[in-house]
Amino acid sequence: MAKNKILSYLVYLSTSALLLFSACTQEQVVNVNPVCFEKDVLPIFISNCTQSGCHNSIDREEGIELTSYASIVSNGIAPGDYAASKLYQVLIAVGEELMPQKPYNKLSAEQITTIALWIDQGAKNTTCASTGNCDVSKVTYAKTVKPIMDRSCNGCHAGSAPSGNINLSNYTGVKKYALDGSLFGSINHDAGFVRMPDGASKLPSCEISSIKEWIRLGALNN
C-alpha cells in the first residue's frame, strides 16, 4: 500500500472488521502535523476511558489506569508502532475486545487516527504551550464549542447512558447547561461546581475563554 494512502486507510480500518488490519501491520501512518499529547490525546482517554467503574485512578478496571501520560504509555503503547500497541488494537477490535465497551460509544475514526498518529510520532509527552494568541472574536457553536465537547466531554456525557444524565452531544444539551451557568462553572473549576473534565486538568485557557465568550453572546446555535 502506498505510504501516502495509509492515513485514509487507517480511518477505514477504524470502522471495519479487525481482520482487515493484518495486511497493514508493517505500515506507518503518514507523519503529518505533530500531535500534542496534552491537547489532542489525553482528553480522548480522560473523556472515554475513565468513567466510573472503568480505568480511572480509583476503580482501575483490570488493574489499568489511563489518567496520565505515565499510566497510558505503560499500558500497551509501543512508541513508533501503532499497530503493535495494545491500546490501539482494542480501539479497533470487535466484540468483547472492543474498548470503550457499551453503553459508551466507540471512538470516532478521527479520534482513533489521532491516537495512531501520536504513537507513530513516538508517543511523546508533549504539552504544546500556548503561544498566547487566543482569538475569541469569531466563536461559534459548530466550529468552536462542539469540537471541544466532542474531544473533552462526550466520552462521558453522550450515548444512551450519559454520566449524571447530562448529555452534551447536541446543541440542546449544551445550551441548557451553558445558560444555567454550570457548564462554565465546571470547566473553570469554580467553587460550588463539579470540576470537569473529571479527574483531569482544566481545559486549555483559550478553550475556556472561547466557551465563555460563546455563552456571553447568547449561546447561539451558529
N, C-alpha and C. Protein backbone atom coordinates (compact mmCIF):
# COMPACT_ATOMS: atom_id res chain seq x y z
N MET A 1 0.84 -1.19 0.00
CA MET A 1 0.00 0.00 0.00
C MET A 1 0.88 1.24 0.00
N ALA A 2 0.59 2.21 -0.87
CA ALA A 2 1.39 3.43 -0.93
C ALA A 2 1.32 4.17 0.39
N LYS A 3 2.47 4.70 0.79
CA LYS A 3 2.54 5.36 2.09
C LYS A 3 1.60 6.56 2.18
N ASN A 4 1.42 7.28 1.07
CA ASN A 4 0.58 8.46 1.12
C ASN A 4 -0.91 8.14 1.15
N LYS A 5 -1.24 6.84 1.14
CA LYS A 5 -2.65 6.45 1.23
C LYS A 5 -2.99 5.81 2.58
N ILE A 6 -1.97 5.61 3.43
CA ILE A 6 -2.21 4.84 4.64
C ILE A 6 -3.12 5.54 5.63
N LEU A 7 -3.07 6.88 5.67
CA LEU A 7 -3.90 7.58 6.65
C LEU A 7 -5.38 7.38 6.35
N SER A 8 -5.76 7.50 5.09
CA SER A 8 -7.17 7.27 4.76
C SER A 8 -7.55 5.82 4.99
N TYR A 9 -6.60 4.91 4.78
CA TYR A 9 -6.88 3.51 5.04
C TYR A 9 -7.08 3.26 6.52
N LEU A 10 -6.31 3.97 7.34
CA LEU A 10 -6.44 3.83 8.78
C LEU A 10 -7.83 4.23 9.24
N VAL A 11 -8.35 5.31 8.69
CA VAL A 11 -9.70 5.74 9.04
C VAL A 11 -10.70 4.66 8.66
N TYR A 12 -10.48 4.05 7.49
CA TYR A 12 -11.36 2.95 7.07
C TYR A 12 -11.27 1.78 8.04
N LEU A 13 -10.07 1.48 8.51
CA LEU A 13 -9.89 0.37 9.43
C LEU A 13 -10.68 0.56 10.72
N SER A 14 -10.72 1.78 11.19
CA SER A 14 -11.35 2.03 12.47
C SER A 14 -12.83 1.74 12.48
N THR A 15 -13.41 1.60 11.29
CA THR A 15 -14.84 1.28 11.22
C THR A 15 -15.08 -0.05 10.51
N SER A 16 -14.02 -0.82 10.30
CA SER A 16 -14.13 -2.10 9.60
C SER A 16 -13.79 -3.26 10.51
N ALA A 17 -13.96 -4.45 10.00
CA ALA A 17 -13.64 -5.65 10.77
C ALA A 17 -12.15 -5.71 11.05
N LEU A 18 -11.76 -6.27 12.21
CA LEU A 18 -10.37 -6.31 12.63
C LEU A 18 -9.51 -7.13 11.69
N LEU A 19 -10.06 -8.13 11.04
CA LEU A 19 -9.24 -8.99 10.19
C LEU A 19 -8.64 -8.22 9.02
N LEU A 20 -9.24 -7.09 8.64
CA LEU A 20 -8.67 -6.29 7.56
C LEU A 20 -7.37 -5.64 7.98
N PHE A 21 -7.13 -5.57 9.28
CA PHE A 21 -5.96 -4.87 9.82
C PHE A 21 -4.66 -5.59 9.54
N SER A 22 -4.68 -6.92 9.42
CA SER A 22 -3.46 -7.70 9.33
C SER A 22 -2.62 -7.35 8.11
N ALA A 23 -3.22 -6.88 7.05
CA ALA A 23 -2.48 -6.58 5.82
C ALA A 23 -1.60 -5.35 5.94
N CYS A 24 -1.79 -4.56 6.99
CA CYS A 24 -1.05 -3.30 7.08
C CYS A 24 -0.22 -3.17 8.34
N THR A 25 0.07 -4.26 9.03
CA THR A 25 0.77 -4.17 10.30
C THR A 25 2.19 -3.63 10.16
N GLN A 26 2.76 -3.64 8.97
CA GLN A 26 4.10 -3.14 8.78
C GLN A 26 4.12 -1.71 8.25
N GLU A 27 2.95 -1.15 8.01
CA GLU A 27 2.88 0.21 7.50
C GLU A 27 2.96 1.22 8.64
N GLN A 28 3.16 2.47 8.29
CA GLN A 28 3.12 3.55 9.27
C GLN A 28 2.18 4.63 8.75
N VAL A 29 1.51 5.28 9.69
CA VAL A 29 0.66 6.37 9.28
C VAL A 29 1.53 7.53 8.82
N VAL A 30 0.99 8.33 7.93
CA VAL A 30 1.75 9.46 7.43
C VAL A 30 2.03 10.44 8.57
N ASN A 31 3.25 10.86 8.69
CA ASN A 31 3.63 11.80 9.74
C ASN A 31 3.27 13.21 9.27
N VAL A 32 2.03 13.59 9.53
CA VAL A 32 1.56 14.91 9.12
C VAL A 32 1.87 15.90 10.24
N ASN A 33 0.91 16.70 10.65
CA ASN A 33 1.16 17.66 11.71
C ASN A 33 1.41 16.96 13.03
N PRO A 34 2.34 17.46 13.84
CA PRO A 34 2.61 16.84 15.14
C PRO A 34 1.35 16.80 16.00
N VAL A 35 1.15 15.67 16.66
CA VAL A 35 0.01 15.53 17.57
C VAL A 35 0.48 15.85 18.98
N CYS A 36 -0.24 16.70 19.66
CA CYS A 36 0.12 17.11 21.01
C CYS A 36 -0.56 16.18 22.02
N PHE A 37 0.22 15.55 22.88
CA PHE A 37 -0.36 14.62 23.85
C PHE A 37 -1.35 15.34 24.77
N GLU A 38 -0.92 16.42 25.39
CA GLU A 38 -1.77 17.09 26.38
C GLU A 38 -3.04 17.64 25.78
N LYS A 39 -2.96 18.22 24.59
CA LYS A 39 -4.12 18.88 23.98
C LYS A 39 -4.98 17.93 23.17
N ASP A 40 -4.36 16.99 22.46
CA ASP A 40 -5.09 16.16 21.50
C ASP A 40 -5.38 14.74 21.97
N VAL A 41 -4.46 14.15 22.74
CA VAL A 41 -4.56 12.73 23.09
C VAL A 41 -5.14 12.50 24.48
N LEU A 42 -4.59 13.15 25.48
CA LEU A 42 -5.05 12.93 26.85
C LEU A 42 -6.55 13.16 27.01
N PRO A 43 -7.13 14.23 26.42
CA PRO A 43 -8.58 14.41 26.55
C PRO A 43 -9.40 13.24 26.02
N ILE A 44 -8.90 12.56 24.99
CA ILE A 44 -9.63 11.41 24.45
C ILE A 44 -9.69 10.29 25.48
N PHE A 45 -8.55 10.00 26.12
CA PHE A 45 -8.52 8.95 27.14
C PHE A 45 -9.34 9.34 28.37
N ILE A 46 -9.20 10.58 28.83
CA ILE A 46 -9.93 11.02 30.02
C ILE A 46 -11.43 10.96 29.78
N SER A 47 -11.88 11.44 28.63
CA SER A 47 -13.31 11.51 28.34
C SER A 47 -13.93 10.15 28.06
N ASN A 48 -13.15 9.22 27.48
CA ASN A 48 -13.72 7.96 27.02
C ASN A 48 -13.34 6.73 27.82
N CYS A 49 -12.35 6.83 28.69
CA CYS A 49 -11.83 5.63 29.35
C CYS A 49 -11.82 5.69 30.88
N THR A 50 -12.16 6.83 31.46
CA THR A 50 -12.03 6.96 32.92
C THR A 50 -13.36 7.18 33.62
N GLN A 51 -14.45 6.74 33.01
CA GLN A 51 -15.75 6.86 33.65
C GLN A 51 -15.79 5.98 34.91
N SER A 52 -16.79 6.18 35.72
CA SER A 52 -16.95 5.37 36.94
C SER A 52 -16.98 3.89 36.58
N GLY A 53 -16.16 3.12 37.27
CA GLY A 53 -16.08 1.69 37.02
C GLY A 53 -15.10 1.30 35.94
N CYS A 54 -14.43 2.30 35.38
CA CYS A 54 -13.50 2.00 34.28
C CYS A 54 -12.05 2.25 34.70
N HIS A 55 -11.27 2.90 33.84
CA HIS A 55 -9.83 2.96 34.06
C HIS A 55 -9.38 4.28 34.69
N ASN A 56 -10.10 4.70 35.72
CA ASN A 56 -9.69 5.88 36.47
C ASN A 56 -8.78 5.48 37.62
N SER A 57 -8.32 6.47 38.39
CA SER A 57 -7.34 6.18 39.45
C SER A 57 -7.94 5.47 40.64
N ILE A 58 -9.27 5.41 40.74
CA ILE A 58 -9.93 4.76 41.87
C ILE A 58 -10.35 3.33 41.50
N ASP A 59 -11.09 3.18 40.42
CA ASP A 59 -11.62 1.86 40.05
C ASP A 59 -10.56 0.96 39.41
N ARG A 60 -9.73 1.52 38.55
CA ARG A 60 -8.64 0.77 37.91
C ARG A 60 -9.10 -0.60 37.40
N GLU A 61 -10.12 -0.60 36.55
CA GLU A 61 -10.66 -1.83 36.00
C GLU A 61 -9.54 -2.67 35.37
N GLU A 62 -9.49 -3.95 35.77
CA GLU A 62 -8.47 -4.89 35.32
C GLU A 62 -7.06 -4.39 35.62
N GLY A 63 -6.94 -3.55 36.64
CA GLY A 63 -5.63 -3.05 37.05
C GLY A 63 -5.06 -1.99 36.12
N ILE A 64 -5.89 -1.43 35.25
CA ILE A 64 -5.42 -0.47 34.27
C ILE A 64 -5.94 0.93 34.59
N GLU A 65 -5.03 1.89 34.60
CA GLU A 65 -5.38 3.29 34.80
C GLU A 65 -4.92 4.08 33.58
N LEU A 66 -5.77 4.97 33.10
CA LEU A 66 -5.45 5.74 31.89
C LEU A 66 -5.71 7.23 32.11
N THR A 67 -5.13 7.76 33.18
CA THR A 67 -5.40 9.14 33.56
C THR A 67 -4.24 10.08 33.34
N SER A 68 -3.08 9.57 32.96
CA SER A 68 -1.90 10.41 32.81
C SER A 68 -0.99 9.83 31.73
N TYR A 69 0.00 10.61 31.34
CA TYR A 69 0.95 10.13 30.33
C TYR A 69 1.62 8.85 30.79
N ALA A 70 2.13 8.84 32.02
CA ALA A 70 2.86 7.68 32.52
C ALA A 70 1.98 6.43 32.53
N SER A 71 0.75 6.57 32.98
CA SER A 71 -0.13 5.39 33.07
C SER A 71 -0.57 4.92 31.70
N ILE A 72 -0.71 5.82 30.75
CA ILE A 72 -1.14 5.44 29.40
C ILE A 72 -0.03 4.70 28.67
N VAL A 73 1.19 5.25 28.68
CA VAL A 73 2.28 4.60 27.92
C VAL A 73 2.71 3.29 28.56
N SER A 74 2.41 3.09 29.83
CA SER A 74 2.81 1.85 30.49
C SER A 74 1.78 0.74 30.30
N ASN A 75 0.69 1.06 29.62
CA ASN A 75 -0.36 0.06 29.42
C ASN A 75 -0.60 -0.25 27.96
N GLY A 76 0.46 -0.59 27.25
CA GLY A 76 0.28 -1.09 25.90
C GLY A 76 0.56 -0.13 24.78
N ILE A 77 1.51 0.81 24.96
CA ILE A 77 1.90 1.70 23.88
C ILE A 77 3.30 1.32 23.42
N ALA A 78 3.44 1.09 22.12
CA ALA A 78 4.75 0.80 21.52
C ALA A 78 5.14 2.02 20.69
N PRO A 79 5.91 2.96 21.25
CA PRO A 79 6.24 4.19 20.52
C PRO A 79 6.80 3.92 19.13
N GLY A 80 6.22 4.60 18.14
CA GLY A 80 6.66 4.42 16.77
C GLY A 80 5.97 3.31 16.02
N ASP A 81 5.13 2.54 16.70
CA ASP A 81 4.48 1.39 16.06
C ASP A 81 3.05 1.26 16.59
N TYR A 82 2.13 1.99 15.98
CA TYR A 82 0.75 1.96 16.46
C TYR A 82 0.13 0.57 16.33
N ALA A 83 0.53 -0.16 15.27
CA ALA A 83 -0.06 -1.47 15.02
C ALA A 83 0.28 -2.47 16.11
N ALA A 84 1.42 -2.29 16.76
CA ALA A 84 1.84 -3.20 17.82
C ALA A 84 1.38 -2.75 19.20
N SER A 85 0.69 -1.64 19.27
CA SER A 85 0.26 -1.07 20.54
C SER A 85 -1.08 -1.64 20.97
N LYS A 86 -1.11 -2.27 22.13
CA LYS A 86 -2.33 -2.92 22.61
C LYS A 86 -3.47 -1.92 22.77
N LEU A 87 -3.16 -0.72 23.25
CA LEU A 87 -4.22 0.27 23.45
C LEU A 87 -4.84 0.69 22.12
N TYR A 88 -4.07 0.65 21.06
CA TYR A 88 -4.64 0.93 19.74
C TYR A 88 -5.49 -0.24 19.26
N GLN A 89 -4.99 -1.44 19.47
CA GLN A 89 -5.68 -2.63 18.98
C GLN A 89 -7.08 -2.76 19.55
N VAL A 90 -7.25 -2.45 20.84
CA VAL A 90 -8.59 -2.59 21.44
C VAL A 90 -9.56 -1.53 20.93
N LEU A 91 -9.03 -0.44 20.39
CA LEU A 91 -9.90 0.61 19.86
C LEU A 91 -10.53 0.22 18.52
N ILE A 92 -9.91 -0.71 17.80
CA ILE A 92 -10.45 -1.14 16.51
C ILE A 92 -10.93 -2.58 16.54
N ALA A 93 -10.95 -3.17 17.74
CA ALA A 93 -11.37 -4.57 17.89
C ALA A 93 -12.87 -4.71 17.65
N VAL A 94 -13.33 -5.94 17.66
CA VAL A 94 -14.76 -6.22 17.54
C VAL A 94 -15.18 -7.08 18.73
N GLY A 95 -16.47 -7.04 19.03
CA GLY A 95 -17.00 -7.87 20.10
C GLY A 95 -16.53 -7.44 21.48
N GLU A 96 -16.25 -8.39 22.34
CA GLU A 96 -15.92 -8.12 23.73
C GLU A 96 -14.57 -7.46 23.91
N GLU A 97 -13.73 -7.52 22.89
CA GLU A 97 -12.40 -6.91 22.98
C GLU A 97 -12.41 -5.41 22.73
N LEU A 98 -13.50 -4.91 22.14
CA LEU A 98 -13.58 -3.50 21.79
C LEU A 98 -13.65 -2.62 23.02
N MET A 99 -12.91 -1.54 23.01
CA MET A 99 -12.98 -0.52 24.04
C MET A 99 -13.20 0.84 23.39
N PRO A 100 -13.98 1.73 24.04
CA PRO A 100 -14.78 1.51 25.24
C PRO A 100 -15.93 0.52 24.98
N GLN A 101 -16.38 -0.11 26.05
CA GLN A 101 -17.47 -1.05 25.95
C GLN A 101 -18.81 -0.34 26.12
N LYS A 102 -19.85 -0.98 25.66
CA LYS A 102 -21.20 -0.43 25.85
C LYS A 102 -21.49 -0.28 27.33
N PRO A 103 -22.29 0.76 27.71
CA PRO A 103 -23.12 1.63 26.87
C PRO A 103 -22.38 2.82 26.27
N TYR A 104 -21.05 2.89 26.46
CA TYR A 104 -20.30 4.01 25.93
C TYR A 104 -20.02 3.81 24.45
N ASN A 105 -19.88 4.91 23.74
CA ASN A 105 -19.70 4.87 22.29
C ASN A 105 -18.27 4.50 21.91
N LYS A 106 -18.13 3.85 20.79
CA LYS A 106 -16.81 3.60 20.21
C LYS A 106 -16.19 4.93 19.82
N LEU A 107 -14.86 5.02 19.90
CA LEU A 107 -14.19 6.24 19.48
C LEU A 107 -14.46 6.49 18.01
N SER A 108 -14.45 7.75 17.63
CA SER A 108 -14.65 8.09 16.23
C SER A 108 -13.40 7.76 15.44
N ALA A 109 -13.55 7.69 14.13
CA ALA A 109 -12.40 7.44 13.26
C ALA A 109 -11.34 8.51 13.45
N GLU A 110 -11.76 9.75 13.64
CA GLU A 110 -10.81 10.85 13.85
C GLU A 110 -10.03 10.66 15.15
N GLN A 111 -10.72 10.26 16.22
CA GLN A 111 -10.04 10.06 17.50
C GLN A 111 -9.04 8.90 17.43
N ILE A 112 -9.43 7.82 16.77
CA ILE A 112 -8.54 6.67 16.63
C ILE A 112 -7.31 7.05 15.81
N THR A 113 -7.53 7.82 14.75
CA THR A 113 -6.42 8.26 13.92
C THR A 113 -5.47 9.17 14.70
N THR A 114 -6.02 10.04 15.53
CA THR A 114 -5.20 10.93 16.35
C THR A 114 -4.28 10.12 17.26
N ILE A 115 -4.82 9.10 17.90
CA ILE A 115 -4.01 8.26 18.78
C ILE A 115 -2.95 7.51 17.99
N ALA A 116 -3.31 7.00 16.82
CA ALA A 116 -2.35 6.28 15.99
C ALA A 116 -1.21 7.20 15.54
N LEU A 117 -1.55 8.41 15.14
CA LEU A 117 -0.53 9.37 14.73
C LEU A 117 0.40 9.71 15.88
N TRP A 118 -0.17 9.91 17.06
CA TRP A 118 0.65 10.21 18.25
C TRP A 118 1.63 9.09 18.53
N ILE A 119 1.16 7.86 18.46
CA ILE A 119 2.04 6.71 18.69
C ILE A 119 3.12 6.65 17.61
N ASP A 120 2.72 6.83 16.35
CA ASP A 120 3.65 6.76 15.23
C ASP A 120 4.73 7.83 15.34
N GLN A 121 4.37 8.97 15.92
CA GLN A 121 5.32 10.08 16.09
C GLN A 121 6.19 9.93 17.33
N GLY A 122 6.10 8.78 17.99
CA GLY A 122 6.97 8.50 19.13
C GLY A 122 6.29 8.49 20.47
N ALA A 123 4.98 8.73 20.51
CA ALA A 123 4.21 8.73 21.77
C ALA A 123 4.87 9.61 22.82
N LYS A 124 5.19 10.83 22.43
CA LYS A 124 5.91 11.75 23.33
C LYS A 124 4.95 12.51 24.25
N ASN A 125 5.48 12.90 25.39
CA ASN A 125 4.70 13.65 26.38
C ASN A 125 4.79 15.14 26.08
N THR A 126 4.16 15.54 24.99
CA THR A 126 4.22 16.93 24.57
C THR A 126 3.09 17.74 25.22
N THR A 127 3.43 18.95 25.65
CA THR A 127 2.45 19.80 26.33
C THR A 127 1.94 20.92 25.46
N CYS A 128 2.70 21.31 24.44
CA CYS A 128 2.24 22.30 23.45
C CYS A 128 1.76 23.58 24.11
N ALA A 129 2.68 24.27 24.72
CA ALA A 129 2.35 25.52 25.41
C ALA A 129 1.69 26.50 24.45
N SER A 130 0.75 27.23 24.97
CA SER A 130 0.04 28.22 24.17
C SER A 130 0.97 29.34 23.73
N THR A 131 0.75 29.85 22.51
CA THR A 131 1.54 30.96 22.01
C THR A 131 1.08 32.29 22.60
N GLY A 132 -0.02 32.25 23.33
CA GLY A 132 -0.54 33.49 23.91
C GLY A 132 -1.60 34.14 23.04
N ASN A 133 -1.77 33.66 21.81
CA ASN A 133 -2.77 34.21 20.91
C ASN A 133 -4.07 33.42 21.04
N CYS A 134 -5.10 34.10 21.47
CA CYS A 134 -6.39 33.44 21.63
C CYS A 134 -7.47 34.36 21.08
N ASP A 135 -7.90 34.07 19.89
CA ASP A 135 -8.89 34.90 19.21
C ASP A 135 -10.28 34.36 19.48
N VAL A 136 -11.07 35.09 20.24
CA VAL A 136 -12.44 34.67 20.56
C VAL A 136 -13.46 35.54 19.82
N SER A 137 -13.00 36.22 18.78
CA SER A 137 -13.89 37.16 18.08
C SER A 137 -14.86 36.47 17.14
N LYS A 138 -14.59 35.20 16.80
CA LYS A 138 -15.46 34.53 15.85
C LYS A 138 -15.92 33.16 16.37
N VAL A 139 -16.19 33.08 17.65
CA VAL A 139 -16.58 31.79 18.22
C VAL A 139 -18.00 31.42 17.76
N THR A 140 -18.18 30.15 17.46
CA THR A 140 -19.49 29.62 17.09
C THR A 140 -19.68 28.28 17.78
N TYR A 141 -20.92 27.83 17.81
CA TYR A 141 -21.16 26.51 18.40
C TYR A 141 -20.54 25.42 17.54
N ALA A 142 -20.78 25.47 16.22
CA ALA A 142 -20.35 24.39 15.33
C ALA A 142 -18.84 24.28 15.22
N LYS A 143 -18.15 25.39 15.11
CA LYS A 143 -16.71 25.36 14.86
C LYS A 143 -15.85 25.52 16.11
N THR A 144 -16.44 26.00 17.20
CA THR A 144 -15.65 26.24 18.40
C THR A 144 -16.06 25.34 19.56
N VAL A 145 -17.33 25.40 19.91
CA VAL A 145 -17.80 24.72 21.12
C VAL A 145 -17.98 23.22 20.92
N LYS A 146 -18.66 22.83 19.86
CA LYS A 146 -18.91 21.40 19.65
C LYS A 146 -17.63 20.57 19.57
N PRO A 147 -16.60 21.02 18.84
CA PRO A 147 -15.35 20.23 18.83
C PRO A 147 -14.74 20.04 20.22
N ILE A 148 -14.86 21.05 21.09
CA ILE A 148 -14.35 20.92 22.46
C ILE A 148 -15.17 19.88 23.21
N MET A 149 -16.49 19.94 23.06
CA MET A 149 -17.35 18.95 23.72
C MET A 149 -17.03 17.54 23.23
N ASP A 150 -16.88 17.39 21.93
CA ASP A 150 -16.59 16.07 21.35
C ASP A 150 -15.27 15.52 21.87
N ARG A 151 -14.29 16.38 21.98
CA ARG A 151 -12.94 15.95 22.36
C ARG A 151 -12.81 15.68 23.85
N SER A 152 -13.41 16.54 24.66
CA SER A 152 -13.12 16.51 26.10
C SER A 152 -14.27 16.12 27.00
N CYS A 153 -15.50 16.04 26.47
CA CYS A 153 -16.66 15.83 27.34
C CYS A 153 -17.54 14.64 26.96
N ASN A 154 -17.64 14.36 25.67
CA ASN A 154 -18.69 13.45 25.22
C ASN A 154 -18.37 11.97 25.35
N GLY A 155 -17.16 11.64 25.79
CA GLY A 155 -16.93 10.25 26.13
C GLY A 155 -17.79 9.83 27.31
N CYS A 156 -18.02 10.78 28.22
CA CYS A 156 -18.88 10.54 29.39
C CYS A 156 -20.30 11.05 29.17
N HIS A 157 -20.41 12.23 28.60
CA HIS A 157 -21.70 12.90 28.52
C HIS A 157 -22.35 12.77 27.15
N ALA A 158 -22.49 11.53 26.70
CA ALA A 158 -23.16 11.24 25.43
C ALA A 158 -23.61 9.79 25.45
N GLY A 159 -24.23 9.36 24.39
CA GLY A 159 -24.66 7.97 24.31
C GLY A 159 -25.96 7.70 25.03
N SER A 160 -26.25 6.42 25.22
CA SER A 160 -27.53 6.02 25.81
C SER A 160 -27.56 6.16 27.32
N ALA A 161 -26.40 6.27 27.95
CA ALA A 161 -26.34 6.41 29.40
C ALA A 161 -25.30 7.45 29.80
N PRO A 162 -25.56 8.73 29.48
CA PRO A 162 -24.58 9.77 29.78
C PRO A 162 -24.37 9.94 31.28
N SER A 163 -23.13 10.19 31.66
CA SER A 163 -22.80 10.35 33.07
C SER A 163 -23.61 11.47 33.71
N GLY A 164 -24.21 11.18 34.87
CA GLY A 164 -25.02 12.17 35.56
C GLY A 164 -26.28 12.54 34.81
N ASN A 165 -26.63 11.76 33.80
CA ASN A 165 -27.77 12.05 32.92
C ASN A 165 -27.61 13.41 32.24
N ILE A 166 -26.35 13.82 32.05
CA ILE A 166 -26.04 15.09 31.39
C ILE A 166 -25.52 14.79 29.99
N ASN A 167 -26.28 15.16 28.99
CA ASN A 167 -25.93 14.88 27.61
C ASN A 167 -25.44 16.16 26.94
N LEU A 168 -24.17 16.14 26.53
CA LEU A 168 -23.57 17.30 25.88
C LEU A 168 -23.23 17.02 24.42
N SER A 169 -23.90 16.04 23.84
CA SER A 169 -23.58 15.63 22.47
C SER A 169 -24.33 16.43 21.43
N ASN A 170 -25.26 17.28 21.86
CA ASN A 170 -26.02 18.07 20.89
C ASN A 170 -26.22 19.49 21.42
N TYR A 171 -26.63 20.38 20.55
CA TYR A 171 -26.77 21.78 20.91
C TYR A 171 -27.74 21.99 22.06
N THR A 172 -28.87 21.31 22.04
CA THR A 172 -29.88 21.50 23.08
C THR A 172 -29.31 21.23 24.47
N GLY A 173 -28.57 20.14 24.59
CA GLY A 173 -27.99 19.80 25.88
C GLY A 173 -26.93 20.80 26.32
N VAL A 174 -26.07 21.19 25.40
CA VAL A 174 -25.01 22.14 25.74
C VAL A 174 -25.61 23.49 26.13
N LYS A 175 -26.60 23.94 25.39
CA LYS A 175 -27.23 25.22 25.68
C LYS A 175 -27.84 25.24 27.08
N LYS A 176 -28.50 24.15 27.45
CA LYS A 176 -29.14 24.07 28.76
C LYS A 176 -28.15 24.35 29.88
N TYR A 177 -26.99 23.70 29.83
CA TYR A 177 -26.02 23.86 30.92
C TYR A 177 -25.16 25.11 30.74
N ALA A 178 -25.14 25.63 29.52
CA ALA A 178 -24.45 26.90 29.31
C ALA A 178 -25.23 28.04 29.95
N LEU A 179 -26.53 28.03 29.76
CA LEU A 179 -27.36 29.13 30.26
C LEU A 179 -27.60 29.08 31.76
N ASP A 180 -27.52 27.89 32.38
CA ASP A 180 -27.72 27.86 33.84
C ASP A 180 -26.40 28.06 34.60
N GLY A 181 -25.31 28.26 33.86
CA GLY A 181 -24.03 28.57 34.49
C GLY A 181 -23.18 27.39 34.85
N SER A 182 -23.72 26.18 34.77
CA SER A 182 -22.97 25.01 35.24
C SER A 182 -21.87 24.58 34.28
N LEU A 183 -22.05 24.82 32.99
CA LEU A 183 -21.01 24.43 32.04
C LEU A 183 -19.73 25.21 32.29
N PHE A 184 -19.84 26.52 32.32
CA PHE A 184 -18.64 27.33 32.55
C PHE A 184 -18.09 27.11 33.96
N GLY A 185 -18.97 27.04 34.95
CA GLY A 185 -18.52 26.83 36.32
C GLY A 185 -17.72 25.55 36.48
N SER A 186 -18.14 24.51 35.77
CA SER A 186 -17.45 23.22 35.87
C SER A 186 -16.10 23.23 35.16
N ILE A 187 -16.07 23.75 33.92
CA ILE A 187 -14.81 23.72 33.18
C ILE A 187 -13.81 24.74 33.72
N ASN A 188 -14.30 25.77 34.41
CA ASN A 188 -13.41 26.76 35.01
C ASN A 188 -13.00 26.39 36.43
N HIS A 189 -13.53 25.25 36.91
CA HIS A 189 -13.24 24.74 38.25
C HIS A 189 -13.60 25.75 39.33
N ASP A 190 -14.75 26.42 39.15
CA ASP A 190 -15.23 27.38 40.14
C ASP A 190 -15.76 26.66 41.37
N ALA A 191 -15.68 27.33 42.52
CA ALA A 191 -16.19 26.76 43.76
C ALA A 191 -17.69 26.51 43.64
N GLY A 192 -18.13 25.35 44.14
CA GLY A 192 -19.54 25.01 44.12
C GLY A 192 -19.96 24.21 42.90
N PHE A 193 -19.04 23.98 41.96
CA PHE A 193 -19.34 23.20 40.75
C PHE A 193 -18.47 21.95 40.71
N VAL A 194 -18.98 20.92 40.07
CA VAL A 194 -18.20 19.70 39.87
C VAL A 194 -17.15 19.97 38.81
N ARG A 195 -15.90 19.77 39.15
CA ARG A 195 -14.81 20.08 38.22
C ARG A 195 -14.79 19.11 37.05
N MET A 196 -14.71 19.67 35.86
CA MET A 196 -14.68 18.89 34.64
C MET A 196 -13.56 19.39 33.73
N PRO A 197 -12.95 18.50 32.93
CA PRO A 197 -13.18 17.05 32.86
C PRO A 197 -12.86 16.36 34.18
N ASP A 198 -13.62 15.34 34.48
CA ASP A 198 -13.50 14.64 35.75
C ASP A 198 -12.12 13.99 35.88
N GLY A 199 -11.42 14.32 36.97
CA GLY A 199 -10.13 13.70 37.25
C GLY A 199 -9.00 14.18 36.37
N ALA A 200 -9.20 15.28 35.68
CA ALA A 200 -8.17 15.79 34.77
C ALA A 200 -7.93 17.28 35.01
N SER A 201 -6.89 17.80 34.39
CA SER A 201 -6.60 19.22 34.48
C SER A 201 -7.68 20.02 33.75
N LYS A 202 -7.72 21.31 34.03
CA LYS A 202 -8.65 22.19 33.33
C LYS A 202 -8.38 22.17 31.83
N LEU A 203 -9.40 22.48 31.08
CA LEU A 203 -9.21 22.66 29.65
C LEU A 203 -8.22 23.80 29.42
N PRO A 204 -7.58 23.83 28.25
CA PRO A 204 -6.69 24.96 27.93
C PRO A 204 -7.43 26.28 28.11
N SER A 205 -6.70 27.29 28.56
CA SER A 205 -7.33 28.57 28.89
C SER A 205 -8.05 29.19 27.70
N CYS A 206 -7.53 28.99 26.50
CA CYS A 206 -8.19 29.56 25.32
C CYS A 206 -9.53 28.88 25.06
N GLU A 207 -9.62 27.58 25.31
CA GLU A 207 -10.88 26.87 25.12
C GLU A 207 -11.91 27.36 26.14
N ILE A 208 -11.48 27.57 27.37
CA ILE A 208 -12.39 28.09 28.41
C ILE A 208 -12.87 29.48 28.03
N SER A 209 -11.94 30.33 27.57
CA SER A 209 -12.30 31.69 27.17
C SER A 209 -13.26 31.68 25.99
N SER A 210 -13.05 30.75 25.07
CA SER A 210 -13.92 30.67 23.89
C SER A 210 -15.33 30.28 24.27
N ILE A 211 -15.46 29.30 25.18
CA ILE A 211 -16.79 28.88 25.63
C ILE A 211 -17.46 30.02 26.41
N LYS A 212 -16.68 30.71 27.23
CA LYS A 212 -17.22 31.84 28.00
C LYS A 212 -17.77 32.91 27.06
N GLU A 213 -17.04 33.20 26.00
CA GLU A 213 -17.49 34.22 25.05
C GLU A 213 -18.73 33.76 24.29
N TRP A 214 -18.77 32.48 23.91
CA TRP A 214 -19.95 31.95 23.23
C TRP A 214 -21.18 32.08 24.12
N ILE A 215 -21.02 31.80 25.40
CA ILE A 215 -22.15 31.92 26.33
C ILE A 215 -22.55 33.40 26.46
N ARG A 216 -21.56 34.27 26.58
CA ARG A 216 -21.84 35.71 26.72
C ARG A 216 -22.65 36.24 25.54
N LEU A 217 -22.39 35.67 24.38
CA LEU A 217 -23.10 36.12 23.17
C LEU A 217 -24.48 35.50 23.03
N GLY A 218 -24.86 34.67 24.00
CA GLY A 218 -26.20 34.11 23.99
C GLY A 218 -26.28 32.63 23.72
N ALA A 219 -25.13 31.96 23.66
CA ALA A 219 -25.09 30.50 23.42
C ALA A 219 -25.91 30.13 22.19
N LEU A 220 -25.58 30.78 21.09
CA LEU A 220 -26.36 30.61 19.86
C LEU A 220 -26.02 29.30 19.15
N ASN A 221 -26.98 28.80 18.40
CA ASN A 221 -26.77 27.60 17.59
C ASN A 221 -26.25 28.03 16.22
N ASN A 222 -24.99 28.49 16.23
CA ASN A 222 -24.41 29.05 15.00
C ASN A 222 -23.22 28.25 14.50
